[in-house]
N, C-alpha and C. Protein backbone atom coordinates (compact mmCIF):
# COMPACT_ATOMS: atom_id res chain seq x y z
N MET A 1 52.42 84.25 114.42
CA MET A 1 52.88 85.26 113.53
C MET A 1 53.31 84.56 112.18
N LYS A 2 52.93 85.09 111.13
CA LYS A 2 53.26 84.58 109.80
C LYS A 2 54.75 84.70 109.56
N ARG A 3 55.25 83.90 108.73
CA ARG A 3 56.72 83.83 108.46
C ARG A 3 57.10 85.16 107.67
N HIS A 4 56.42 85.64 106.77
CA HIS A 4 56.83 86.88 106.06
C HIS A 4 56.81 88.11 106.95
N VAL A 5 55.86 88.17 107.92
CA VAL A 5 55.86 89.22 108.93
C VAL A 5 57.08 89.09 109.81
N ALA A 6 57.40 87.89 110.32
CA ALA A 6 58.54 87.67 111.20
C ALA A 6 59.84 88.03 110.49
N ALA A 7 59.90 87.59 109.18
CA ALA A 7 61.15 87.89 108.40
C ALA A 7 61.33 89.36 108.24
N THR A 8 60.21 90.08 107.89
CA THR A 8 60.31 91.50 107.76
C THR A 8 60.64 92.20 109.05
N LEU A 9 60.04 91.75 110.12
CA LEU A 9 60.40 92.33 111.42
C LEU A 9 61.83 92.15 111.83
N LEU A 10 62.30 90.92 111.56
CA LEU A 10 63.72 90.58 111.79
C LEU A 10 64.70 91.40 110.98
N GLY A 11 64.32 91.62 109.65
CA GLY A 11 65.13 92.42 108.77
C GLY A 11 65.15 93.92 109.26
N VAL A 12 64.04 94.53 109.61
CA VAL A 12 63.99 95.84 110.10
C VAL A 12 64.76 95.99 111.38
N LEU A 13 64.58 95.06 112.32
CA LEU A 13 65.31 95.14 113.58
C LEU A 13 66.84 95.01 113.35
N GLY A 14 67.26 94.06 112.43
CA GLY A 14 68.67 93.96 112.16
C GLY A 14 69.25 95.25 111.52
N PHE A 15 68.48 95.81 110.67
CA PHE A 15 68.96 97.08 110.06
C PHE A 15 69.13 98.18 111.12
N LEU A 16 68.16 98.26 112.05
CA LEU A 16 68.21 99.30 113.11
C LEU A 16 69.37 99.09 114.09
N ILE A 17 69.61 97.81 114.39
CA ILE A 17 70.79 97.53 115.25
C ILE A 17 72.13 97.87 114.57
N ILE A 18 72.29 97.46 113.29
CA ILE A 18 73.47 97.83 112.53
C ILE A 18 73.61 99.31 112.46
N ASP A 19 72.47 99.99 112.09
CA ASP A 19 72.54 101.44 111.89
C ASP A 19 72.95 102.15 113.17
N GLY A 20 72.65 101.57 114.33
CA GLY A 20 72.99 102.20 115.59
C GLY A 20 74.49 101.95 115.93
N HIS A 21 75.17 101.06 115.32
CA HIS A 21 76.55 100.70 115.66
C HIS A 21 77.63 100.96 114.55
N VAL A 22 77.11 101.06 113.35
CA VAL A 22 78.02 101.24 112.19
C VAL A 22 77.68 102.56 111.51
N ASP A 23 78.77 103.29 111.17
CA ASP A 23 78.54 104.57 110.53
C ASP A 23 79.81 105.01 109.72
N TRP A 24 79.57 105.78 108.72
CA TRP A 24 80.62 106.31 107.91
C TRP A 24 80.86 107.80 108.39
N VAL A 25 82.02 108.17 108.75
CA VAL A 25 82.27 109.44 109.29
C VAL A 25 83.35 110.21 108.40
N GLN A 26 83.22 111.53 108.30
CA GLN A 26 84.18 112.28 107.50
C GLN A 26 85.15 112.83 108.47
N GLN A 27 86.51 112.80 108.06
CA GLN A 27 87.57 113.43 108.86
C GLN A 27 88.66 113.72 107.89
N ASP A 28 89.08 114.97 108.00
CA ASP A 28 90.26 115.50 107.06
C ASP A 28 89.99 115.15 105.62
N ASN A 29 88.75 115.41 105.14
CA ASN A 29 88.39 115.17 103.73
C ASN A 29 88.46 113.75 103.24
N ARG A 30 88.38 112.81 104.20
CA ARG A 30 88.39 111.33 103.84
C ARG A 30 87.32 110.66 104.71
N THR A 31 87.00 109.52 104.35
CA THR A 31 85.92 108.79 105.09
C THR A 31 86.50 107.62 105.87
N LEU A 32 86.01 107.52 107.12
CA LEU A 32 86.36 106.37 108.04
C LEU A 32 85.18 105.55 108.28
N LEU A 33 85.34 104.37 108.57
CA LEU A 33 84.23 103.47 109.06
C LEU A 33 84.32 103.45 110.58
N GLU A 34 83.19 103.76 111.17
CA GLU A 34 83.11 103.81 112.67
C GLU A 34 82.20 102.68 113.10
N VAL A 35 82.73 101.78 113.94
CA VAL A 35 82.01 100.63 114.44
C VAL A 35 82.03 100.75 115.98
N SER A 36 80.87 100.96 116.57
CA SER A 36 80.77 101.13 118.04
C SER A 36 81.73 102.09 118.57
N GLY A 37 82.00 103.18 117.88
CA GLY A 37 82.84 104.23 118.41
C GLY A 37 84.31 104.08 117.97
N GLN A 38 84.68 102.96 117.47
CA GLN A 38 86.05 102.78 117.06
C GLN A 38 86.20 102.97 115.50
N ARG A 39 87.15 103.81 115.08
CA ARG A 39 87.32 104.15 113.68
C ARG A 39 88.34 103.34 112.98
N PHE A 40 87.94 102.97 111.75
CA PHE A 40 88.88 102.19 110.91
C PHE A 40 89.04 102.88 109.58
N ASP A 41 90.14 102.56 108.85
CA ASP A 41 90.39 103.16 107.55
C ASP A 41 90.35 102.10 106.44
N PRO A 42 89.15 101.69 106.00
CA PRO A 42 89.10 100.67 104.99
C PRO A 42 89.74 101.10 103.63
N LYS A 43 89.66 102.34 103.29
CA LYS A 43 90.26 102.78 102.03
C LYS A 43 91.77 102.63 102.09
N GLY A 44 92.35 103.00 103.20
CA GLY A 44 93.81 102.86 103.38
C GLY A 44 94.21 101.42 103.40
N TRP A 45 93.41 100.56 103.99
CA TRP A 45 93.68 99.11 104.02
C TRP A 45 93.69 98.60 102.59
N MET A 46 92.63 98.89 101.79
CA MET A 46 92.58 98.50 100.43
C MET A 46 93.73 99.03 99.52
N ALA A 47 94.07 100.32 99.78
CA ALA A 47 95.26 100.86 99.00
C ALA A 47 96.49 100.17 99.27
N GLU A 48 96.78 99.79 100.59
CA GLU A 48 97.99 99.11 100.92
C GLU A 48 98.01 97.72 100.28
N HIS A 49 96.90 97.08 100.28
CA HIS A 49 96.87 95.70 99.73
C HIS A 49 97.04 95.75 98.17
N TRP A 50 96.44 96.78 97.55
CA TRP A 50 96.66 96.97 96.12
C TRP A 50 98.05 97.29 95.77
N ARG A 51 98.73 98.14 96.66
CA ARG A 51 100.06 98.55 96.43
C ARG A 51 101.02 97.34 96.52
N GLN A 52 100.74 96.37 97.40
CA GLN A 52 101.61 95.23 97.51
C GLN A 52 101.47 94.31 96.23
N LEU A 53 100.35 94.30 95.69
CA LEU A 53 100.10 93.46 94.50
C LEU A 53 100.76 94.07 93.22
N GLN A 54 100.87 95.39 93.12
CA GLN A 54 101.36 95.99 91.88
C GLN A 54 102.75 96.58 91.97
N ARG A 55 103.43 96.60 93.10
CA ARG A 55 104.72 97.21 93.16
C ARG A 55 105.81 96.40 92.51
N ASP A 56 106.85 97.18 92.04
CA ASP A 56 108.05 96.59 91.45
C ASP A 56 109.19 97.17 92.23
N CYS A 57 109.87 96.41 93.01
CA CYS A 57 110.98 96.85 93.83
C CYS A 57 112.32 96.65 93.23
N SER A 58 112.40 96.31 92.01
CA SER A 58 113.72 95.97 91.33
C SER A 58 114.61 97.17 91.27
N PRO A 59 114.14 98.45 91.08
CA PRO A 59 115.09 99.51 91.14
C PRO A 59 115.46 100.12 92.51
N VAL A 60 114.89 99.47 93.57
CA VAL A 60 115.12 99.99 94.92
C VAL A 60 116.16 99.15 95.59
N HIS A 61 117.06 99.78 96.29
CA HIS A 61 118.18 99.06 96.99
C HIS A 61 118.05 99.28 98.53
N ASN A 62 118.23 98.20 99.25
CA ASN A 62 118.31 98.36 100.69
C ASN A 62 119.72 98.68 101.03
N ASP A 63 119.99 99.87 101.44
CA ASP A 63 121.32 100.35 101.68
C ASP A 63 121.72 100.39 103.17
N LEU A 64 120.92 99.73 104.01
CA LEU A 64 121.35 99.70 105.41
C LEU A 64 122.64 98.94 105.60
N ALA A 65 122.89 97.91 104.77
CA ALA A 65 124.13 97.18 104.82
C ALA A 65 125.30 97.81 104.10
N ASN A 66 124.98 98.89 103.35
CA ASN A 66 126.02 99.65 102.65
C ASN A 66 126.67 100.69 103.64
N PRO A 67 127.77 100.44 104.23
CA PRO A 67 128.31 101.34 105.27
C PRO A 67 128.53 102.80 104.81
N THR A 68 128.99 103.00 103.52
CA THR A 68 129.22 104.29 103.01
C THR A 68 127.97 105.18 103.00
N THR A 69 126.89 104.66 102.35
CA THR A 69 125.68 105.37 102.24
C THR A 69 125.01 105.48 103.59
N ALA A 70 124.94 104.38 104.37
CA ALA A 70 124.30 104.46 105.69
C ALA A 70 124.96 105.46 106.62
N THR A 71 126.23 105.50 106.66
CA THR A 71 126.93 106.46 107.50
C THR A 71 126.71 107.86 107.06
N ALA A 72 126.70 108.11 105.80
CA ALA A 72 126.49 109.51 105.30
C ALA A 72 125.09 109.98 105.56
N VAL A 73 124.11 109.15 105.34
CA VAL A 73 122.71 109.47 105.68
C VAL A 73 122.50 109.70 107.13
N LEU A 74 122.97 108.74 107.95
CA LEU A 74 122.83 108.85 109.38
C LEU A 74 123.52 110.22 109.88
N HIS A 75 124.62 110.55 109.37
CA HIS A 75 125.31 111.84 109.78
C HIS A 75 124.45 113.01 109.44
N VAL A 76 123.88 113.04 108.29
CA VAL A 76 122.98 114.18 107.91
C VAL A 76 121.78 114.27 108.88
N ILE A 77 121.23 113.15 109.16
CA ILE A 77 120.05 113.18 110.07
C ILE A 77 120.45 113.49 111.50
N GLN A 78 121.54 113.04 111.98
CA GLN A 78 122.01 113.42 113.28
C GLN A 78 122.26 114.88 113.45
N GLN A 79 122.67 115.53 112.38
CA GLN A 79 122.92 117.03 112.46
C GLN A 79 121.69 117.83 112.19
N HIS A 80 120.57 117.23 111.95
CA HIS A 80 119.39 118.01 111.53
C HIS A 80 118.68 118.71 112.69
N SER A 81 118.41 118.04 113.79
CA SER A 81 117.63 118.59 114.88
C SER A 81 118.34 118.45 116.14
N LEU A 82 119.43 119.21 116.28
CA LEU A 82 120.32 119.06 117.43
C LEU A 82 119.61 119.63 118.72
N PRO A 83 119.85 119.09 119.93
CA PRO A 83 120.78 117.99 120.16
C PRO A 83 120.12 116.63 120.22
N ASP A 84 118.79 116.62 120.14
CA ASP A 84 118.06 115.38 120.19
C ASP A 84 118.41 114.37 119.12
N SER A 85 118.75 114.89 117.95
CA SER A 85 118.96 113.98 116.77
C SER A 85 120.36 113.31 116.86
N LEU A 86 121.19 113.71 117.75
CA LEU A 86 122.54 113.12 117.84
C LEU A 86 122.54 111.67 118.12
N GLU A 87 121.51 111.17 118.80
CA GLU A 87 121.42 109.71 119.10
C GLU A 87 120.56 108.98 118.19
N ALA A 88 120.35 109.43 116.99
CA ALA A 88 119.54 108.79 115.99
C ALA A 88 120.14 107.48 115.61
N LYS A 89 119.29 106.48 115.34
CA LYS A 89 119.70 105.11 114.91
C LYS A 89 118.87 104.73 113.69
N LEU A 90 119.53 104.31 112.63
CA LEU A 90 118.84 103.85 111.41
C LEU A 90 118.15 102.55 111.68
N LEU A 91 116.91 102.49 111.39
CA LEU A 91 116.10 101.17 111.36
C LEU A 91 116.12 100.62 109.92
N GLN A 92 115.95 101.49 108.93
CA GLN A 92 116.02 101.05 107.57
C GLN A 92 116.44 102.19 106.63
N LEU A 93 116.95 101.77 105.49
CA LEU A 93 117.43 102.80 104.56
C LEU A 93 117.26 102.19 103.14
N HIS A 94 116.38 102.80 102.31
CA HIS A 94 116.12 102.36 100.98
C HIS A 94 116.51 103.48 100.00
N ARG A 95 117.13 103.13 98.93
CA ARG A 95 117.59 104.13 97.95
C ARG A 95 117.21 103.74 96.54
N GLN A 96 116.86 104.72 95.71
CA GLN A 96 116.69 104.56 94.27
C GLN A 96 117.29 105.76 93.64
N THR A 97 118.30 105.53 92.83
CA THR A 97 119.13 106.54 92.14
C THR A 97 119.64 107.57 93.20
N ASP A 98 119.23 108.82 93.12
CA ASP A 98 119.71 109.88 93.99
C ASP A 98 118.64 110.17 95.07
N TRP A 99 117.68 109.30 95.30
CA TRP A 99 116.69 109.53 96.36
C TRP A 99 116.84 108.39 97.38
N ALA A 100 116.46 108.78 98.70
CA ALA A 100 116.59 107.78 99.72
C ALA A 100 115.49 108.06 100.74
N ILE A 101 115.00 106.92 101.32
CA ILE A 101 114.02 107.09 102.45
C ILE A 101 114.67 106.29 103.62
N ALA A 102 114.78 107.04 104.74
CA ALA A 102 115.37 106.40 105.95
C ALA A 102 114.30 106.44 107.11
N GLU A 103 114.29 105.36 107.88
CA GLU A 103 113.51 105.41 109.09
C GLU A 103 114.47 105.37 110.21
N VAL A 104 114.25 106.28 111.19
CA VAL A 104 115.16 106.47 112.32
C VAL A 104 114.41 106.45 113.60
N VAL A 105 115.07 106.03 114.69
CA VAL A 105 114.55 106.16 115.99
C VAL A 105 115.47 106.98 116.85
N PHE A 106 114.93 107.59 117.84
CA PHE A 106 115.66 108.53 118.74
C PHE A 106 115.38 108.12 120.18
N LYS A 107 116.14 108.62 121.05
CA LYS A 107 115.85 108.39 122.52
C LYS A 107 114.78 109.28 122.99
N THR A 108 114.76 110.53 122.53
CA THR A 108 113.80 111.53 123.08
C THR A 108 112.72 111.99 122.05
N LEU A 109 112.87 111.66 120.78
CA LEU A 109 111.97 112.09 119.74
C LEU A 109 111.19 110.87 119.24
N ASN A 110 110.07 111.15 118.59
CA ASN A 110 109.23 110.11 117.90
C ASN A 110 110.03 109.47 116.77
N PRO A 111 109.77 108.20 116.48
CA PRO A 111 110.39 107.63 115.28
C PRO A 111 110.01 108.44 114.01
N SER A 112 110.85 108.50 113.09
CA SER A 112 110.66 109.33 111.92
C SER A 112 111.00 108.62 110.62
N ILE A 113 110.32 109.04 109.57
CA ILE A 113 110.61 108.57 108.19
C ILE A 113 111.06 109.86 107.49
N VAL A 114 112.26 109.82 106.88
CA VAL A 114 112.88 110.98 106.35
C VAL A 114 113.24 110.72 104.83
N VAL A 115 112.82 111.69 104.04
CA VAL A 115 113.18 111.62 102.64
C VAL A 115 114.37 112.45 102.37
N LEU A 116 115.39 111.90 101.68
CA LEU A 116 116.60 112.55 101.37
C LEU A 116 116.82 112.60 99.84
N HIS A 117 117.49 113.59 99.39
CA HIS A 117 117.89 113.73 98.02
C HIS A 117 119.37 113.97 97.89
N GLN A 118 120.06 113.32 97.00
CA GLN A 118 121.47 113.53 96.84
C GLN A 118 121.76 114.54 95.71
N ALA A 119 122.49 115.55 96.13
CA ALA A 119 122.84 116.59 95.08
C ALA A 119 124.34 116.91 95.28
N GLN A 120 124.99 116.83 94.13
CA GLN A 120 126.46 116.99 94.05
C GLN A 120 127.19 116.20 95.10
N GLY A 121 126.76 114.98 95.26
CA GLY A 121 127.40 114.05 96.16
C GLY A 121 127.03 114.07 97.68
N ASP A 122 126.21 115.08 98.05
CA ASP A 122 125.86 115.24 99.40
C ASP A 122 124.33 114.91 99.57
N TRP A 123 124.05 114.18 100.65
CA TRP A 123 122.67 113.92 100.98
C TRP A 123 122.04 115.13 101.70
N ARG A 124 120.79 115.44 101.31
CA ARG A 124 120.13 116.57 101.87
C ARG A 124 118.70 116.13 102.31
N ILE A 125 118.30 116.42 103.50
CA ILE A 125 116.97 116.14 104.01
C ILE A 125 115.99 117.01 103.26
N GLN A 126 114.93 116.43 102.76
CA GLN A 126 113.81 117.23 102.16
C GLN A 126 112.97 117.70 103.31
N GLU A 127 113.10 119.01 103.72
CA GLU A 127 112.49 119.53 104.94
C GLU A 127 111.02 119.34 105.02
N ASN A 128 110.37 119.38 103.90
CA ASN A 128 108.86 119.18 103.97
C ASN A 128 108.44 117.75 103.81
N ALA A 129 109.34 116.83 103.81
CA ALA A 129 109.07 115.42 103.63
C ALA A 129 109.67 114.59 104.74
N VAL A 130 109.33 114.90 106.00
CA VAL A 130 109.69 114.20 107.13
C VAL A 130 108.40 113.78 107.89
N TRP A 131 108.28 112.57 108.25
CA TRP A 131 107.06 112.14 108.96
C TRP A 131 107.48 111.68 110.31
N SER A 132 106.80 112.26 111.34
CA SER A 132 107.00 111.85 112.73
C SER A 132 105.72 112.00 113.46
N GLY A 133 105.30 111.09 114.24
CA GLY A 133 104.08 111.16 114.99
C GLY A 133 102.97 110.13 114.63
N SER A 134 101.89 110.22 115.24
CA SER A 134 100.79 109.35 115.05
C SER A 134 99.97 109.72 113.83
N THR A 135 99.50 108.66 113.13
CA THR A 135 98.55 108.80 111.99
C THR A 135 97.15 108.43 112.37
N ALA A 136 96.94 108.04 113.60
CA ALA A 136 95.63 107.55 114.03
C ALA A 136 94.53 108.56 113.80
N PRO A 137 93.40 108.20 113.32
CA PRO A 137 92.99 106.78 113.17
C PRO A 137 93.19 106.23 111.77
N TRP A 138 93.96 106.91 110.98
CA TRP A 138 94.28 106.46 109.66
C TRP A 138 95.32 105.29 109.65
N LEU A 139 95.20 104.38 108.63
CA LEU A 139 96.18 103.36 108.50
C LEU A 139 97.55 103.99 108.28
N ALA A 140 98.54 103.72 109.03
CA ALA A 140 99.82 104.48 109.02
C ALA A 140 100.47 104.38 107.69
N ALA A 141 100.63 103.23 107.12
CA ALA A 141 101.45 103.07 105.87
C ALA A 141 100.83 103.95 104.72
N ASP A 142 99.51 103.78 104.49
CA ASP A 142 98.94 104.51 103.47
C ASP A 142 98.96 106.02 103.69
N PHE A 143 98.70 106.45 104.94
CA PHE A 143 98.66 107.85 105.28
C PHE A 143 100.03 108.51 105.09
N VAL A 144 101.13 107.80 105.53
CA VAL A 144 102.45 108.39 105.37
C VAL A 144 102.91 108.41 103.89
N ARG A 145 102.59 107.40 103.18
CA ARG A 145 102.91 107.37 101.73
C ARG A 145 102.19 108.47 101.04
N ARG A 146 100.91 108.74 101.30
CA ARG A 146 100.24 109.78 100.56
C ARG A 146 100.84 111.19 100.98
N TYR A 147 101.18 111.31 102.26
CA TYR A 147 101.72 112.57 102.74
C TYR A 147 103.10 112.88 102.00
N LEU A 148 103.98 111.83 102.01
CA LEU A 148 105.28 112.02 101.39
C LEU A 148 105.20 112.31 99.89
N GLN A 149 104.25 111.60 99.22
CA GLN A 149 104.12 111.79 97.73
C GLN A 149 103.58 113.19 97.52
N GLN A 150 102.69 113.68 98.39
CA GLN A 150 102.17 115.04 98.26
C GLN A 150 103.22 116.08 98.45
N GLN A 151 104.14 115.87 99.45
CA GLN A 151 105.18 116.82 99.78
C GLN A 151 106.24 116.84 98.73
N VAL A 152 106.64 115.71 98.15
CA VAL A 152 107.73 115.58 97.18
C VAL A 152 107.20 114.77 95.97
N PRO A 153 106.43 115.46 95.07
CA PRO A 153 105.90 114.71 93.96
C PRO A 153 106.93 114.02 93.02
N GLU A 154 108.16 114.47 93.01
CA GLU A 154 109.20 113.90 92.14
C GLU A 154 109.87 112.69 92.82
N LEU A 155 109.50 112.33 94.05
CA LEU A 155 109.98 111.16 94.65
C LEU A 155 109.52 109.96 93.83
N PRO A 156 110.53 109.03 93.50
CA PRO A 156 110.16 107.86 92.70
C PRO A 156 109.14 107.00 93.45
N ARG A 157 108.10 106.66 92.64
CA ARG A 157 106.99 105.87 93.19
C ARG A 157 107.46 104.49 93.63
N ALA A 158 108.36 103.87 92.91
CA ALA A 158 108.85 102.57 93.32
C ALA A 158 109.53 102.66 94.71
N LEU A 159 110.29 103.63 94.94
CA LEU A 159 110.97 103.81 96.21
C LEU A 159 109.90 103.95 97.36
N LEU A 160 108.98 104.80 97.14
CA LEU A 160 107.95 105.06 98.12
C LEU A 160 107.11 103.83 98.44
N SER A 161 106.87 103.12 97.32
CA SER A 161 106.00 101.97 97.42
C SER A 161 106.71 100.76 98.11
N CYS A 162 108.02 100.66 98.01
CA CYS A 162 108.75 99.52 98.52
C CYS A 162 109.32 99.66 99.92
N VAL A 163 109.21 100.79 100.46
CA VAL A 163 109.65 100.99 101.89
C VAL A 163 108.59 100.50 102.81
N PRO A 164 108.94 99.48 103.72
CA PRO A 164 107.98 98.98 104.61
C PRO A 164 107.76 100.02 105.70
N ILE A 165 106.47 100.29 106.03
CA ILE A 165 106.17 101.15 107.16
C ILE A 165 105.38 100.47 108.20
N GLU A 166 106.05 100.30 109.33
CA GLU A 166 105.44 99.58 110.47
C GLU A 166 104.34 100.39 111.15
N GLY A 167 103.11 99.96 111.04
CA GLY A 167 102.05 100.64 111.56
C GLY A 167 102.02 100.91 113.01
N SER A 168 102.59 99.98 113.81
CA SER A 168 102.56 100.10 115.26
C SER A 168 103.43 101.29 115.75
N ARG A 169 104.41 101.74 114.91
CA ARG A 169 105.15 102.90 115.32
C ARG A 169 104.50 104.24 115.07
N TYR A 170 103.58 104.22 114.15
CA TYR A 170 102.95 105.52 113.70
C TYR A 170 101.46 105.60 113.91
N ALA A 171 100.80 104.57 114.31
CA ALA A 171 99.35 104.61 114.48
C ALA A 171 99.04 103.99 115.79
N ALA A 172 99.47 104.61 116.89
CA ALA A 172 99.43 104.05 118.22
C ALA A 172 97.99 103.65 118.68
N THR A 173 96.95 104.29 118.16
CA THR A 173 95.66 103.97 118.65
C THR A 173 94.84 103.09 117.68
N ALA A 174 95.39 102.78 116.54
CA ALA A 174 94.67 101.90 115.60
C ALA A 174 94.92 100.47 115.98
N THR A 175 93.89 99.70 116.04
CA THR A 175 94.07 98.24 116.38
C THR A 175 93.19 97.41 115.45
N GLY A 176 93.41 96.13 115.54
CA GLY A 176 92.62 95.22 114.76
C GLY A 176 93.47 94.40 113.82
N PRO A 177 93.01 93.17 113.60
CA PRO A 177 93.85 92.25 112.77
C PRO A 177 93.96 92.74 111.30
N TRP A 178 93.05 93.54 110.79
CA TRP A 178 93.06 93.94 109.40
C TRP A 178 93.75 95.19 109.13
N LEU A 179 94.25 95.94 110.16
CA LEU A 179 95.01 97.10 110.01
C LEU A 179 96.48 96.77 109.91
């Protein structure tokens, strides 16, 4: 067999094998990469890496060590969804001016990311800006950030960008070293 025929045959065969295992699929008005039945979120992965390069966290404060703010925020969260919320524990608390984002864990509920706004000295949970549950197959951090920004457009971007979101708590079925 001549070399150009073998190379052409190899190229066509390689294309058919890749075409049988790799595909782009639409879900929830976004595109996922599917490799042998497993779905990945390359757009979310790229967005998270871009966010890390361009974020400015100087106006954001980690208030978990501030007992006054941490206690006030935790109390508001514990009173929100009784009785399950009574045993809430703060994992992290970040604040910028009169906005805060808290991550909490519960004994009987899923971990949650909660957006709070301070008005007249009192912290108030933004009812439509609470995330709890799985984001799979989407990359958790990008998915949760987009959701919270959509729910509360006035939320400071620096605050939202600087809160670390642990993917393993919110994307239980997504795996891989690049997620």
